[in-house]
N, C-alpha and C. Protein backbone atom coordinates (compact mmCIF):
# COMPACT_ATOMS: atom_id res chain seq x y z
N MET A 1 8.51 -19.70 -3.65
CA MET A 1 7.92 -18.38 -3.47
C MET A 1 8.36 -17.86 -2.12
N ILE A 2 8.92 -16.67 -2.11
CA ILE A 2 9.40 -16.06 -0.87
C ILE A 2 8.75 -14.70 -0.70
N THR A 3 8.27 -14.41 0.50
CA THR A 3 7.75 -13.09 0.82
C THR A 3 8.55 -12.53 1.98
N LEU A 4 9.06 -11.30 1.80
CA LEU A 4 9.81 -10.60 2.83
C LEU A 4 8.99 -9.38 3.26
N THR A 5 8.82 -9.19 4.55
CA THR A 5 7.99 -8.12 5.07
C THR A 5 8.80 -7.20 5.97
N ILE A 6 8.58 -5.90 5.81
CA ILE A 6 9.21 -4.91 6.68
C ILE A 6 8.25 -4.58 7.82
N ARG A 7 8.77 -4.51 9.04
CA ARG A 7 7.97 -4.21 10.21
C ARG A 7 7.23 -2.89 10.03
N ALA A 8 5.97 -2.87 10.41
CA ALA A 8 5.14 -1.68 10.23
C ALA A 8 5.56 -0.58 11.21
N ASP A 9 5.55 0.65 10.73
CA ASP A 9 5.78 1.82 11.58
C ASP A 9 5.12 3.01 10.91
N ASP A 10 5.38 4.22 11.40
CA ASP A 10 4.66 5.40 10.89
C ASP A 10 5.44 6.18 9.84
N ARG A 11 6.50 5.60 9.27
CA ARG A 11 7.26 6.32 8.24
C ARG A 11 6.45 6.45 6.96
N CYS A 12 6.81 7.46 6.15
CA CYS A 12 6.14 7.64 4.87
C CYS A 12 6.51 6.50 3.93
N LEU A 13 5.74 6.33 2.86
CA LEU A 13 5.96 5.21 1.95
C LEU A 13 7.34 5.26 1.31
N ALA A 14 7.81 6.42 0.89
CA ALA A 14 9.12 6.51 0.24
C ALA A 14 10.22 5.98 1.16
N ASP A 15 10.19 6.33 2.44
CA ASP A 15 11.20 5.86 3.39
C ASP A 15 11.10 4.36 3.61
N ARG A 16 9.88 3.87 3.67
CA ARG A 16 9.69 2.43 3.89
C ARG A 16 10.15 1.63 2.67
N LEU A 17 9.91 2.15 1.48
CA LEU A 17 10.40 1.47 0.28
C LEU A 17 11.92 1.49 0.21
N ASP A 18 12.53 2.61 0.57
CA ASP A 18 14.00 2.67 0.62
C ASP A 18 14.53 1.59 1.56
N HIS A 19 13.88 1.46 2.71
CA HIS A 19 14.29 0.45 3.69
C HIS A 19 14.16 -0.95 3.11
N LEU A 20 13.04 -1.22 2.45
CA LEU A 20 12.81 -2.54 1.85
C LEU A 20 13.86 -2.86 0.80
N TYR A 21 14.11 -1.93 -0.11
CA TYR A 21 15.06 -2.17 -1.19
C TYR A 21 16.48 -2.34 -0.65
N ASP A 22 16.87 -1.50 0.31
CA ASP A 22 18.22 -1.62 0.89
C ASP A 22 18.38 -2.95 1.62
N SER A 23 17.34 -3.37 2.32
CA SER A 23 17.38 -4.63 3.06
C SER A 23 17.48 -5.82 2.11
N TYR A 24 16.71 -5.79 1.03
CA TYR A 24 16.76 -6.88 0.05
C TYR A 24 18.13 -6.94 -0.61
N ARG A 25 18.74 -5.78 -0.87
CA ARG A 25 20.07 -5.75 -1.45
C ARG A 25 21.09 -6.41 -0.51
N ARG A 26 20.98 -6.10 0.78
CA ARG A 26 21.90 -6.71 1.76
C ARG A 26 21.65 -8.21 1.87
N LEU A 27 20.38 -8.63 1.81
CA LEU A 27 20.07 -10.06 1.89
C LEU A 27 20.71 -10.81 0.72
N ARG A 28 20.64 -10.24 -0.48
CA ARG A 28 21.21 -10.91 -1.66
C ARG A 28 22.73 -11.07 -1.54
N ARG A 29 23.35 -10.23 -0.73
CA ARG A 29 24.80 -10.33 -0.55
C ARG A 29 25.19 -11.30 0.57
N SER A 30 24.19 -11.80 1.31
CA SER A 30 24.48 -12.69 2.43
C SER A 30 24.94 -14.06 1.92
N LYS A 31 25.69 -14.76 2.77
CA LYS A 31 26.19 -16.08 2.40
C LYS A 31 25.03 -17.05 2.18
N LEU A 32 24.01 -16.97 3.03
CA LEU A 32 22.86 -17.87 2.89
C LEU A 32 22.23 -17.72 1.51
N TRP A 33 21.98 -16.49 1.07
CA TRP A 33 21.34 -16.26 -0.22
C TRP A 33 22.25 -16.70 -1.36
N ARG A 34 23.53 -16.33 -1.30
CA ARG A 34 24.45 -16.66 -2.38
C ARG A 34 24.66 -18.17 -2.50
N ASP A 35 24.61 -18.88 -1.38
CA ASP A 35 24.78 -20.33 -1.40
C ASP A 35 23.52 -21.07 -1.81
N SER A 36 22.35 -20.41 -1.72
CA SER A 36 21.08 -21.11 -1.93
C SER A 36 20.34 -20.70 -3.19
N VAL A 37 20.40 -19.43 -3.57
CA VAL A 37 19.56 -18.91 -4.66
C VAL A 37 20.41 -18.68 -5.90
N THR A 38 20.02 -19.34 -6.99
CA THR A 38 20.75 -19.17 -8.25
C THR A 38 20.11 -18.12 -9.16
N ALA A 39 18.83 -17.86 -8.98
CA ALA A 39 18.13 -16.86 -9.79
C ALA A 39 16.90 -16.39 -9.03
N ALA A 40 16.53 -15.12 -9.22
CA ALA A 40 15.36 -14.59 -8.53
C ALA A 40 14.75 -13.43 -9.30
N ALA A 41 13.42 -13.32 -9.19
CA ALA A 41 12.68 -12.17 -9.70
C ALA A 41 11.81 -11.68 -8.55
N ALA A 42 12.01 -10.42 -8.15
CA ALA A 42 11.32 -9.87 -6.99
C ALA A 42 10.35 -8.78 -7.41
N PHE A 43 9.20 -8.75 -6.76
CA PHE A 43 8.14 -7.80 -7.08
C PHE A 43 7.77 -7.03 -5.81
N CYS A 44 7.85 -5.71 -5.88
CA CYS A 44 7.52 -4.87 -4.74
C CYS A 44 6.01 -4.67 -4.66
N GLU A 45 5.46 -4.76 -3.43
CA GLU A 45 4.03 -4.52 -3.24
C GLU A 45 3.82 -3.63 -2.01
N PRO A 46 3.45 -2.36 -2.20
CA PRO A 46 3.08 -1.52 -1.07
C PRO A 46 1.57 -1.59 -0.84
N VAL A 47 1.15 -1.83 0.38
CA VAL A 47 -0.27 -1.96 0.71
C VAL A 47 -0.62 -0.98 1.82
N TRP A 48 -1.62 -0.12 1.56
CA TRP A 48 -2.09 0.80 2.59
C TRP A 48 -3.16 0.10 3.42
N SER A 49 -3.01 0.14 4.72
CA SER A 49 -4.00 -0.45 5.61
C SER A 49 -4.81 0.65 6.26
N ALA A 50 -6.09 0.73 5.91
CA ALA A 50 -6.96 1.73 6.51
C ALA A 50 -7.16 1.45 8.00
N ARG A 51 -7.10 0.19 8.38
CA ARG A 51 -7.31 -0.19 9.78
C ARG A 51 -6.17 0.33 10.67
N SER A 52 -4.93 0.09 10.22
CA SER A 52 -3.78 0.52 11.03
C SER A 52 -3.28 1.90 10.64
N ARG A 53 -3.86 2.47 9.56
CA ARG A 53 -3.46 3.79 9.06
C ARG A 53 -1.96 3.84 8.78
N GLY A 54 -1.49 2.82 8.08
CA GLY A 54 -0.07 2.78 7.76
C GLY A 54 0.20 1.95 6.52
N TRP A 55 1.41 2.08 5.99
CA TRP A 55 1.83 1.32 4.82
C TRP A 55 2.50 0.01 5.26
N HIS A 56 2.15 -1.05 4.55
CA HIS A 56 2.82 -2.34 4.73
C HIS A 56 3.51 -2.66 3.40
N VAL A 57 4.82 -2.83 3.44
CA VAL A 57 5.57 -3.07 2.20
C VAL A 57 6.15 -4.48 2.22
N HIS A 58 6.06 -5.12 1.07
CA HIS A 58 6.51 -6.51 0.94
C HIS A 58 7.35 -6.66 -0.33
N MET A 59 8.22 -7.65 -0.30
CA MET A 59 8.91 -8.08 -1.51
C MET A 59 8.50 -9.52 -1.77
N HIS A 60 7.82 -9.74 -2.89
CA HIS A 60 7.40 -11.09 -3.29
C HIS A 60 8.40 -11.60 -4.31
N ILE A 61 8.93 -12.78 -4.09
CA ILE A 61 10.05 -13.28 -4.90
C ILE A 61 9.76 -14.68 -5.39
N ILE A 62 10.04 -14.90 -6.66
CA ILE A 62 10.09 -16.26 -7.19
C ILE A 62 11.56 -16.57 -7.37
N ALA A 63 12.02 -17.64 -6.73
CA ALA A 63 13.44 -17.94 -6.70
C ALA A 63 13.71 -19.38 -7.12
N ALA A 64 14.87 -19.58 -7.75
CA ALA A 64 15.33 -20.92 -8.13
C ALA A 64 16.57 -21.23 -7.32
N GLY A 65 16.70 -22.48 -6.91
CA GLY A 65 17.88 -22.88 -6.15
C GLY A 65 17.54 -23.93 -5.10
N ARG A 66 18.34 -23.98 -4.05
CA ARG A 66 18.11 -24.93 -2.96
C ARG A 66 17.11 -24.35 -1.96
N TYR A 67 16.33 -25.22 -1.35
CA TYR A 67 15.36 -24.78 -0.36
C TYR A 67 16.09 -24.16 0.84
N ILE A 68 15.56 -23.06 1.35
CA ILE A 68 16.13 -22.39 2.52
C ILE A 68 15.21 -22.67 3.71
N PRO A 69 15.73 -23.21 4.81
CA PRO A 69 14.89 -23.40 6.00
C PRO A 69 14.30 -22.07 6.46
N HIS A 70 13.07 -22.11 6.89
CA HIS A 70 12.35 -20.90 7.27
C HIS A 70 13.11 -20.09 8.32
N GLN A 71 13.58 -20.74 9.38
CA GLN A 71 14.26 -20.03 10.44
C GLN A 71 15.55 -19.39 9.96
N SER A 72 16.25 -20.06 9.06
CA SER A 72 17.50 -19.51 8.52
C SER A 72 17.23 -18.25 7.73
N LEU A 73 16.16 -18.26 6.92
CA LEU A 73 15.83 -17.07 6.15
C LEU A 73 15.36 -15.95 7.07
N SER A 74 14.57 -16.28 8.08
CA SER A 74 14.10 -15.28 9.02
C SER A 74 15.28 -14.61 9.73
N ASP A 75 16.25 -15.41 10.14
CA ASP A 75 17.43 -14.86 10.81
C ASP A 75 18.23 -13.96 9.87
N ALA A 76 18.37 -14.40 8.62
CA ALA A 76 19.13 -13.61 7.64
C ALA A 76 18.40 -12.31 7.30
N TRP A 77 17.06 -12.37 7.26
CA TRP A 77 16.28 -11.17 6.96
C TRP A 77 16.37 -10.16 8.11
N LEU A 78 16.42 -10.65 9.34
CA LEU A 78 16.57 -9.76 10.49
C LEU A 78 17.92 -9.04 10.43
N VAL A 79 18.97 -9.76 10.05
CA VAL A 79 20.28 -9.14 9.92
C VAL A 79 20.27 -8.11 8.79
N ALA A 80 19.67 -8.47 7.65
CA ALA A 80 19.67 -7.59 6.47
C ALA A 80 18.80 -6.36 6.68
N SER A 81 17.63 -6.55 7.30
CA SER A 81 16.69 -5.44 7.47
C SER A 81 16.95 -4.65 8.75
N ARG A 82 17.60 -5.31 9.73
CA ARG A 82 17.95 -4.71 11.01
C ARG A 82 16.76 -4.47 11.94
N ASP A 83 15.55 -4.85 11.49
CA ASP A 83 14.41 -4.69 12.39
C ASP A 83 13.24 -5.62 12.08
N SER A 84 13.36 -6.47 11.06
CA SER A 84 12.22 -7.29 10.64
C SER A 84 12.63 -8.75 10.47
N TYR A 85 11.72 -9.63 10.79
CA TYR A 85 12.03 -11.06 10.69
C TYR A 85 10.92 -11.89 10.04
N ILE A 86 9.79 -11.27 9.68
CA ILE A 86 8.66 -12.00 9.13
C ILE A 86 8.95 -12.37 7.67
N VAL A 87 8.97 -13.67 7.38
CA VAL A 87 9.18 -14.18 6.02
C VAL A 87 8.21 -15.33 5.77
N ASP A 88 8.02 -15.64 4.51
CA ASP A 88 7.18 -16.78 4.14
C ASP A 88 7.83 -17.49 2.97
N LEU A 89 7.86 -18.80 3.01
CA LEU A 89 8.42 -19.59 1.92
C LEU A 89 7.43 -20.69 1.54
N ARG A 90 7.24 -20.85 0.23
CA ARG A 90 6.34 -21.91 -0.25
C ARG A 90 6.92 -22.50 -1.52
N LEU A 91 6.80 -23.80 -1.67
CA LEU A 91 7.31 -24.48 -2.85
C LEU A 91 6.38 -24.26 -4.03
N LEU A 92 6.93 -23.84 -5.15
CA LEU A 92 6.14 -23.73 -6.37
C LEU A 92 5.96 -25.11 -6.98
N ARG A 93 4.74 -25.45 -7.27
CA ARG A 93 4.46 -26.79 -7.81
C ARG A 93 4.03 -26.68 -9.27
N GLY A 94 5.00 -26.55 -10.14
CA GLY A 94 4.72 -26.57 -11.56
C GLY A 94 4.72 -25.20 -12.21
N HIS A 95 4.76 -25.22 -13.53
CA HIS A 95 4.85 -24.01 -14.35
C HIS A 95 3.64 -23.10 -14.17
N ASP A 96 2.45 -23.67 -14.10
CA ASP A 96 1.24 -22.86 -14.00
C ASP A 96 1.20 -22.05 -12.71
N GLN A 97 1.62 -22.67 -11.60
CA GLN A 97 1.61 -21.95 -10.33
C GLN A 97 2.63 -20.81 -10.35
N ALA A 98 3.79 -21.07 -10.97
CA ALA A 98 4.80 -20.02 -11.09
C ALA A 98 4.28 -18.87 -11.93
N LEU A 99 3.60 -19.19 -13.03
CA LEU A 99 3.05 -18.17 -13.90
C LEU A 99 1.99 -17.34 -13.18
N ASP A 100 1.11 -18.00 -12.42
CA ASP A 100 0.08 -17.28 -11.67
C ASP A 100 0.71 -16.32 -10.66
N TYR A 101 1.77 -16.78 -10.00
CA TYR A 101 2.43 -15.97 -8.98
C TYR A 101 3.05 -14.73 -9.59
N VAL A 102 3.76 -14.91 -10.70
CA VAL A 102 4.40 -13.78 -11.36
C VAL A 102 3.36 -12.79 -11.86
N CYS A 103 2.33 -13.28 -12.53
CA CYS A 103 1.30 -12.39 -13.08
C CYS A 103 0.57 -11.64 -11.99
N LYS A 104 0.31 -12.28 -10.87
CA LYS A 104 -0.42 -11.65 -9.77
C LYS A 104 0.33 -10.42 -9.26
N TYR A 105 1.62 -10.56 -9.01
CA TYR A 105 2.35 -9.46 -8.39
C TYR A 105 2.92 -8.48 -9.40
N ALA A 106 3.12 -8.91 -10.63
CA ALA A 106 3.58 -7.98 -11.66
C ALA A 106 2.48 -7.03 -12.07
N ALA A 107 1.22 -7.45 -11.88
CA ALA A 107 0.08 -6.67 -12.36
C ALA A 107 -0.63 -5.88 -11.26
N LYS A 108 -0.17 -5.97 -9.99
CA LYS A 108 -0.91 -5.28 -8.93
C LYS A 108 0.02 -4.49 -8.01
N PRO A 109 0.65 -3.44 -8.54
CA PRO A 109 1.50 -2.64 -7.66
C PRO A 109 0.72 -1.91 -6.58
N LEU A 110 -0.56 -1.60 -6.85
CA LEU A 110 -1.39 -0.91 -5.85
C LEU A 110 -2.75 -1.59 -5.76
N THR A 111 -3.32 -1.60 -4.58
CA THR A 111 -4.64 -2.19 -4.39
C THR A 111 -5.72 -1.20 -4.81
N ALA A 112 -6.92 -1.71 -5.04
CA ALA A 112 -8.05 -0.85 -5.40
C ALA A 112 -8.35 0.14 -4.28
N GLU A 113 -8.17 -0.29 -3.03
CA GLU A 113 -8.41 0.59 -1.89
C GLU A 113 -7.46 1.79 -1.93
N THR A 114 -6.21 1.56 -2.30
CA THR A 114 -5.23 2.65 -2.39
C THR A 114 -5.57 3.60 -3.52
N ILE A 115 -5.95 3.05 -4.66
CA ILE A 115 -6.27 3.88 -5.83
C ILE A 115 -7.49 4.77 -5.53
N ALA A 116 -8.41 4.28 -4.73
CA ALA A 116 -9.62 5.04 -4.42
C ALA A 116 -9.39 6.13 -3.37
N ASP A 117 -8.24 6.10 -2.71
CA ASP A 117 -7.92 7.08 -1.67
C ASP A 117 -6.96 8.11 -2.26
N HIS A 118 -7.45 9.33 -2.52
CA HIS A 118 -6.65 10.33 -3.24
C HIS A 118 -5.31 10.60 -2.57
N ASP A 119 -5.31 10.81 -1.25
CA ASP A 119 -4.07 11.12 -0.55
C ASP A 119 -3.07 9.97 -0.63
N ARG A 120 -3.57 8.76 -0.46
CA ARG A 120 -2.67 7.60 -0.51
C ARG A 120 -2.17 7.37 -1.94
N LEU A 121 -3.06 7.56 -2.93
CA LEU A 121 -2.65 7.40 -4.33
C LEU A 121 -1.56 8.40 -4.68
N THR A 122 -1.74 9.64 -4.26
CA THR A 122 -0.74 10.67 -4.54
C THR A 122 0.60 10.31 -3.90
N GLU A 123 0.56 9.87 -2.64
CA GLU A 123 1.79 9.47 -1.96
C GLU A 123 2.47 8.31 -2.68
N ALA A 124 1.67 7.35 -3.14
CA ALA A 124 2.23 6.19 -3.82
C ALA A 124 2.86 6.58 -5.16
N VAL A 125 2.18 7.43 -5.92
CA VAL A 125 2.72 7.86 -7.21
C VAL A 125 4.07 8.54 -7.01
N LEU A 126 4.16 9.42 -6.02
CA LEU A 126 5.40 10.14 -5.77
C LEU A 126 6.50 9.19 -5.28
N ALA A 127 6.14 8.22 -4.44
CA ALA A 127 7.13 7.31 -3.87
C ALA A 127 7.62 6.29 -4.90
N LEU A 128 6.75 5.92 -5.84
CA LEU A 128 7.10 4.89 -6.82
C LEU A 128 7.69 5.46 -8.10
N GLN A 129 7.59 6.77 -8.28
CA GLN A 129 8.09 7.38 -9.52
C GLN A 129 9.57 7.10 -9.70
N GLY A 130 9.91 6.50 -10.83
CA GLY A 130 11.30 6.20 -11.16
C GLY A 130 11.89 5.00 -10.44
N ARG A 131 11.09 4.29 -9.66
CA ARG A 131 11.59 3.15 -8.89
C ARG A 131 11.29 1.84 -9.62
N ARG A 132 12.25 0.96 -9.67
CA ARG A 132 12.02 -0.34 -10.31
C ARG A 132 11.14 -1.19 -9.41
N LEU A 133 10.04 -1.70 -9.97
CA LEU A 133 9.12 -2.51 -9.20
C LEU A 133 9.38 -4.00 -9.38
N ILE A 134 10.16 -4.36 -10.39
CA ILE A 134 10.53 -5.75 -10.62
C ILE A 134 12.05 -5.82 -10.68
N LEU A 135 12.63 -6.64 -9.81
CA LEU A 135 14.09 -6.76 -9.72
C LEU A 135 14.50 -8.19 -10.04
N THR A 136 15.38 -8.35 -11.00
CA THR A 136 15.88 -9.68 -11.34
C THR A 136 17.34 -9.79 -10.91
N SER A 137 17.74 -10.98 -10.50
CA SER A 137 19.11 -11.18 -10.05
C SER A 137 19.56 -12.60 -10.34
N GLY A 138 20.87 -12.85 -10.15
CA GLY A 138 21.43 -14.16 -10.43
C GLY A 138 21.34 -14.49 -11.90
N ALA A 139 20.99 -15.72 -12.22
CA ALA A 139 20.91 -16.16 -13.61
C ALA A 139 19.83 -15.44 -14.39
N TRP A 140 18.88 -14.82 -13.68
CA TRP A 140 17.80 -14.09 -14.36
C TRP A 140 18.08 -12.60 -14.49
N HIS A 141 19.25 -12.16 -14.07
CA HIS A 141 19.57 -10.73 -14.15
C HIS A 141 19.51 -10.25 -15.60
N GLY A 142 18.77 -9.17 -15.83
CA GLY A 142 18.68 -8.59 -17.17
C GLY A 142 17.68 -9.27 -18.08
N ILE A 143 17.04 -10.34 -17.62
CA ILE A 143 16.10 -11.05 -18.49
C ILE A 143 14.85 -10.19 -18.69
N ARG A 144 14.29 -10.23 -19.88
CA ARG A 144 13.05 -9.50 -20.16
C ARG A 144 11.88 -10.34 -19.65
N LEU A 145 11.04 -9.72 -18.84
CA LEU A 145 9.91 -10.45 -18.26
C LEU A 145 8.66 -10.37 -19.11
N SER A 146 8.71 -9.63 -20.21
CA SER A 146 7.55 -9.55 -21.10
C SER A 146 8.02 -9.24 -22.50
N GLU A 147 7.21 -9.63 -23.46
CA GLU A 147 7.48 -9.30 -24.85
C GLU A 147 6.98 -7.90 -25.15
N CYS A 148 7.63 -7.22 -26.08
CA CYS A 148 7.17 -5.90 -26.50
C CYS A 148 5.86 -6.06 -27.26
N THR A 149 4.88 -5.23 -26.95
CA THR A 149 3.62 -5.30 -27.67
C THR A 149 3.67 -4.40 -28.89
N ASP A 150 2.81 -4.68 -29.83
CA ASP A 150 2.67 -3.84 -31.01
C ASP A 150 2.21 -2.45 -30.56
N ASP A 151 2.83 -1.40 -31.11
CA ASP A 151 2.48 -0.04 -30.71
C ASP A 151 1.01 0.27 -30.92
N THR A 152 0.35 -0.45 -31.82
CA THR A 152 -1.07 -0.18 -32.06
C THR A 152 -1.95 -0.74 -30.93
N ASP A 153 -1.36 -1.61 -30.05
CA ASP A 153 -2.15 -2.19 -28.98
C ASP A 153 -2.35 -1.23 -27.81
N TRP A 154 -1.41 -0.29 -27.64
CA TRP A 154 -1.45 0.60 -26.48
C TRP A 154 -1.26 2.04 -26.93
N VAL A 155 -1.88 2.93 -26.22
CA VAL A 155 -1.71 4.36 -26.48
C VAL A 155 -1.19 5.00 -25.20
N THR A 156 -0.02 5.61 -25.29
CA THR A 156 0.55 6.27 -24.12
C THR A 156 -0.20 7.57 -23.87
N ILE A 157 -0.76 7.71 -22.68
CA ILE A 157 -1.50 8.91 -22.32
C ILE A 157 -0.58 9.91 -21.63
N SER A 158 0.00 9.48 -20.51
CA SER A 158 0.83 10.38 -19.72
C SER A 158 1.28 9.64 -18.47
N PRO A 159 2.39 10.04 -17.87
CA PRO A 159 2.73 9.49 -16.55
C PRO A 159 1.61 9.84 -15.56
N LEU A 160 1.38 8.99 -14.58
CA LEU A 160 0.28 9.21 -13.65
C LEU A 160 0.45 10.51 -12.88
N TRP A 161 1.69 10.87 -12.53
CA TRP A 161 1.88 12.12 -11.79
C TRP A 161 1.40 13.32 -12.61
N ARG A 162 1.58 13.26 -13.96
CA ARG A 162 1.14 14.36 -14.81
C ARG A 162 -0.39 14.43 -14.86
N ILE A 163 -1.05 13.27 -14.89
CA ILE A 163 -2.51 13.24 -14.86
C ILE A 163 -3.01 13.90 -13.59
N LEU A 164 -2.38 13.59 -12.45
CA LEU A 164 -2.79 14.17 -11.18
C LEU A 164 -2.60 15.69 -11.19
N VAL A 165 -1.44 16.14 -11.67
CA VAL A 165 -1.15 17.57 -11.70
C VAL A 165 -2.11 18.30 -12.63
N ASP A 166 -2.33 17.75 -13.83
CA ASP A 166 -3.22 18.41 -14.80
C ASP A 166 -4.66 18.45 -14.29
N ALA A 167 -5.10 17.37 -13.63
CA ALA A 167 -6.46 17.36 -13.07
C ALA A 167 -6.59 18.42 -11.99
N GLU A 168 -5.54 18.60 -11.19
CA GLU A 168 -5.54 19.64 -10.16
C GLU A 168 -5.67 21.02 -10.79
N ARG A 169 -5.10 21.19 -11.95
CA ARG A 169 -5.13 22.49 -12.63
C ARG A 169 -6.41 22.71 -13.42
N GLY A 170 -7.31 21.72 -13.39
CA GLY A 170 -8.60 21.90 -14.03
C GLY A 170 -8.72 21.34 -15.43
N ASP A 171 -7.72 20.56 -15.89
CA ASP A 171 -7.78 19.97 -17.22
C ASP A 171 -8.87 18.90 -17.26
N THR A 172 -9.86 19.07 -18.14
CA THR A 172 -11.01 18.18 -18.20
C THR A 172 -10.62 16.77 -18.61
N TYR A 173 -9.72 16.66 -19.60
CA TYR A 173 -9.30 15.33 -20.07
C TYR A 173 -8.61 14.56 -18.95
N ALA A 174 -7.68 15.24 -18.24
CA ALA A 174 -6.97 14.58 -17.14
C ALA A 174 -7.94 14.17 -16.05
N ALA A 175 -8.93 15.02 -15.74
CA ALA A 175 -9.92 14.70 -14.72
C ALA A 175 -10.75 13.48 -15.13
N THR A 176 -11.05 13.36 -16.43
CA THR A 176 -11.81 12.21 -16.92
C THR A 176 -11.01 10.93 -16.79
N VAL A 177 -9.72 11.00 -17.16
CA VAL A 177 -8.85 9.82 -17.04
C VAL A 177 -8.76 9.40 -15.58
N LEU A 178 -8.55 10.35 -14.68
CA LEU A 178 -8.44 10.05 -13.26
C LEU A 178 -9.74 9.47 -12.72
N ALA A 179 -10.87 10.00 -13.18
CA ALA A 179 -12.16 9.47 -12.74
C ALA A 179 -12.30 8.01 -13.15
N ASP A 180 -11.84 7.67 -14.37
CA ASP A 180 -11.89 6.28 -14.82
C ASP A 180 -11.03 5.39 -13.93
N LEU A 181 -9.84 5.89 -13.57
CA LEU A 181 -8.95 5.12 -12.70
C LEU A 181 -9.54 4.91 -11.32
N LEU A 182 -10.33 5.88 -10.87
CA LEU A 182 -10.93 5.81 -9.54
C LEU A 182 -12.29 5.12 -9.55
N GLY A 183 -12.63 4.51 -10.67
CA GLY A 183 -13.87 3.76 -10.73
C GLY A 183 -15.06 4.54 -11.24
N GLY A 184 -14.79 5.60 -12.02
CA GLY A 184 -15.87 6.32 -12.65
C GLY A 184 -16.46 7.44 -11.84
N SER A 185 -15.82 7.79 -10.71
CA SER A 185 -16.35 8.89 -9.90
C SER A 185 -16.26 10.20 -10.66
N SER A 186 -17.34 10.95 -10.69
CA SER A 186 -17.35 12.23 -11.40
C SER A 186 -17.10 13.40 -10.47
N CYS A 187 -17.00 13.11 -9.17
CA CYS A 187 -16.78 14.17 -8.18
C CYS A 187 -15.37 14.05 -7.65
N LEU A 188 -14.47 14.94 -8.09
CA LEU A 188 -13.07 14.86 -7.73
C LEU A 188 -12.65 16.08 -6.94
N THR A 189 -12.05 15.85 -5.82
CA THR A 189 -11.45 16.93 -5.04
C THR A 189 -9.96 16.69 -5.03
N MET A 190 -9.23 17.55 -5.74
CA MET A 190 -7.80 17.33 -5.91
C MET A 190 -7.00 18.27 -5.03
N SER A 191 -5.91 17.77 -4.47
CA SER A 191 -5.01 18.62 -3.71
C SER A 191 -3.64 17.99 -3.71
N ILE A 192 -2.69 18.62 -4.42
CA ILE A 192 -1.33 18.11 -4.49
C ILE A 192 -0.40 19.20 -4.01
N ASP A 193 0.05 19.07 -2.78
CA ASP A 193 0.89 20.09 -2.18
C ASP A 193 2.35 19.69 -2.13
N HIS A 194 2.64 18.38 -2.30
CA HIS A 194 4.02 17.92 -2.20
C HIS A 194 4.84 18.47 -3.36
N PRO A 195 6.02 19.06 -3.10
CA PRO A 195 6.81 19.63 -4.20
C PRO A 195 7.24 18.62 -5.23
N SER A 196 7.33 17.34 -4.84
CA SER A 196 7.73 16.31 -5.81
C SER A 196 6.66 16.03 -6.83
N ALA A 197 5.47 16.55 -6.60
CA ALA A 197 4.38 16.34 -7.57
C ALA A 197 4.63 17.19 -8.81
N HIS A 198 5.58 18.08 -8.76
CA HIS A 198 5.89 18.94 -9.89
C HIS A 198 7.36 18.79 -10.24
N PRO A 199 7.73 17.68 -10.93
CA PRO A 199 9.12 17.44 -11.24
C PRO A 199 9.73 18.57 -12.06
N PRO A 200 11.06 18.81 -11.91
CA PRO A 200 11.71 19.87 -12.66
C PRO A 200 11.48 19.71 -14.15
N GLY A 201 11.08 20.78 -14.80
CA GLY A 201 10.85 20.73 -16.23
C GLY A 201 9.54 20.11 -16.62
N GLY A 202 8.73 19.65 -15.61
CA GLY A 202 7.46 18.97 -15.91
C GLY A 202 6.32 19.93 -16.10
């Protein structure tokens, strides 16, 4: 299990995610990574910190291959990210632990604290729209991480950005869906001023 962290600063979430993804791409091209990692599945996790009033972005990775010394990975991450060196490595002990790790990060792109904060939720929706949250590489490149479910199991409602926009416009159904996502709050104050909240043709 590998965690890569980008140094905190005051940039918007979209810029910080671009930095994280570009840095991870450069790391995968490094000699250390190519010599050590045969397969990897990476999960992006953006976390809003109310205490520091900033976004903390991480890449959580389950990797197969040879063990990488902590200092070597930290040095390689500093070169790849150009400003960050904080990494964490832990040995996976068995199938169950690997499964727990994958399920934890595949199922939690946003924290409950972020979802409950309208401004942060809006920023996250706009920053994550169209972005791959799970990246596979090496021997796992292109592998399907889940089975297709029966269409009767799920009902597609709408992209989250559309729910936000429709709720802003006074649509009762969209407001109800959003209230459910926010924990059942019936008092919603909506404000979406970012132009990206209204995609072309949307």
